[in-house]
Amino acid sequence: MDDELTWRPGRPVPMHEISFEMDAAGGPGGQHANRSATRVSLVWVPADSEAFSDREKERIQEHLKTRINQRGELRLRSSEERSAAGNRRHCLELLVSLLQQALTIR
């Protein structure tokens, strides 16, 4: 999983397409609150992805249009976990779930 994110068997997204930003999560948390960079934001541009056909990219963009900003970036943020690694994993799980929803033919 280090170099690709598999959202469906045999259908990976290269990890070089995904970037992460970390910052301090707000709110209560004891002595390390606001000093530990544990909140993670995942940034991915679906239109630039090598992993999907043009039709799939259109479906993803249509399904996620309320989550994609004007620069075409999908940004997912997590501060659910106490560690940056846990929040990174949570963001990746959310991306997988969103891709599966967007590309499931109903």
Protein backbone atom coordinates (compact mmCIF):
# COMPACT_ATOMS: atom_id res chain seq x y z
CA MET A 1 0.00 0.00 0.00
CA ASP A 2 3.01 2.27 0.16
CA ASP A 3 3.10 3.09 -3.55
CA GLU A 4 -0.57 2.62 -4.46
CA LEU A 5 -4.03 2.78 -2.94
CA THR A 6 -6.26 -0.08 -4.03
CA TRP A 7 -9.89 1.00 -4.07
CA ARG A 8 -11.10 -2.14 -5.88
CA PRO A 9 -9.13 -5.36 -6.55
CA GLY A 10 -6.79 -4.71 -9.46
CA ARG A 11 -7.64 -0.99 -9.55
CA PRO A 12 -5.01 1.05 -7.70
CA VAL A 13 -4.50 4.80 -7.49
CA PRO A 14 -0.77 5.67 -7.51
CA MET A 15 0.20 7.26 -4.19
CA HIS A 16 2.28 9.89 -6.00
CA GLU A 17 -1.05 11.45 -7.04
CA ILE A 18 -2.07 11.96 -3.41
CA SER A 19 -0.49 14.49 -1.08
CA PHE A 20 -0.96 15.08 2.62
CA GLU A 21 -0.81 18.18 4.78
CA MET A 22 -0.58 18.10 8.55
CA ASP A 23 -1.39 20.72 11.13
CA ALA A 24 -2.33 20.99 14.77
CA ALA A 25 -5.84 19.87 15.59
CA GLY A 26 -7.81 22.26 17.75
CA GLY A 27 -9.91 21.54 20.77
CA PRO A 28 -9.18 19.80 24.06
CA GLY A 29 -6.38 17.31 24.28
CA GLY A 30 -4.18 17.88 27.28
CA GLN A 31 -0.66 19.20 27.35
CA HIS A 32 0.07 18.40 23.70
CA ALA A 33 -3.03 20.11 22.31
CA ASN A 34 -2.26 22.59 19.54
CA ARG A 35 1.41 21.54 19.55
CA SER A 36 1.28 18.18 17.85
CA ALA A 37 0.54 18.17 14.13
CA THR A 38 -1.98 15.35 14.07
CA ARG A 39 -4.80 16.64 11.83
CA VAL A 40 -4.27 15.39 8.28
CA SER A 41 -5.64 16.72 5.02
CA LEU A 42 -5.52 14.52 1.92
CA VAL A 43 -5.34 16.35 -1.41
CA TRP A 44 -6.04 14.60 -4.73
CA VAL A 45 -6.92 15.96 -8.19
CA PRO A 46 -9.25 13.45 -9.88
CA ALA A 47 -8.96 15.07 -13.34
CA ASP A 48 -5.18 14.48 -13.34
CA SER A 49 -5.35 10.84 -12.26
CA GLU A 50 -3.65 8.18 -14.36
CA ALA A 51 -5.76 5.48 -12.72
CA PHE A 52 -9.11 6.23 -14.35
CA SER A 53 -10.60 6.51 -17.82
CA ASP A 54 -12.08 9.83 -18.94
CA ARG A 55 -15.59 8.46 -18.29
CA GLU A 56 -14.63 7.33 -14.79
CA LYS A 57 -13.12 10.74 -14.06
CA GLU A 58 -16.38 12.39 -15.15
CA ARG A 59 -18.36 10.10 -12.82
CA ILE A 60 -16.00 10.84 -9.92
CA GLN A 61 -16.17 14.57 -10.52
CA GLU A 62 -19.95 14.54 -10.81
CA HIS A 63 -20.40 12.43 -7.68
CA LEU A 64 -17.92 14.53 -5.66
CA LYS A 65 -18.69 17.97 -7.12
CA THR A 66 -19.59 19.40 -3.72
CA ARG A 67 -16.23 18.23 -2.31
CA ILE A 68 -13.98 19.37 -5.19
CA ASN A 69 -12.75 22.95 -5.02
CA GLN A 70 -12.27 25.40 -7.91
CA ARG A 71 -8.70 24.19 -8.44
CA GLY A 72 -10.08 20.68 -9.03
CA GLU A 73 -8.76 19.36 -5.72
CA LEU A 74 -10.57 16.87 -3.58
CA ARG A 75 -9.62 17.66 0.02
CA LEU A 76 -10.42 15.25 2.83
CA ARG A 77 -9.57 16.12 6.43
CA SER A 78 -9.36 13.93 9.50
CA SER A 79 -8.68 14.63 13.14
CA GLU A 80 -10.61 11.61 14.41
CA GLU A 81 -7.52 9.73 15.59
CA ARG A 82 -4.90 10.80 18.11
CA SER A 83 -2.01 10.22 15.71
CA ALA A 84 -1.15 11.66 12.32
CA ALA A 85 -0.70 8.10 11.00
CA GLY A 86 -4.19 7.17 12.16
CA ASN A 87 -5.68 10.28 10.54
CA ARG A 88 -3.76 9.62 7.31
CA ARG A 89 -5.19 6.09 7.26
CA HIS A 90 -8.67 7.47 7.96
CA CYS A 91 -8.39 9.89 5.00
CA LEU A 92 -7.30 7.07 2.70
CA GLU A 93 -10.20 4.89 3.86
CA LEU A 94 -12.59 7.76 3.19
CA LEU A 95 -11.15 8.24 -0.31
CA VAL A 96 -11.59 4.53 -1.06
CA SER A 97 -15.20 4.69 0.13
CA LEU A 98 -15.93 7.78 -1.98
CA LEU A 99 -14.38 6.20 -5.09
CA GLN A 100 -16.38 3.03 -4.61
CA GLN A 101 -19.61 5.03 -4.26
CA ALA A 102 -18.84 7.21 -7.29
CA LEU A 103 -17.99 4.31 -9.56
CA THR A 104 -20.67 1.84 -8.54
CA ILE A 105 -23.13 1.53 -11.38
CA ARG A 106 -26.65 1.60 -10.04
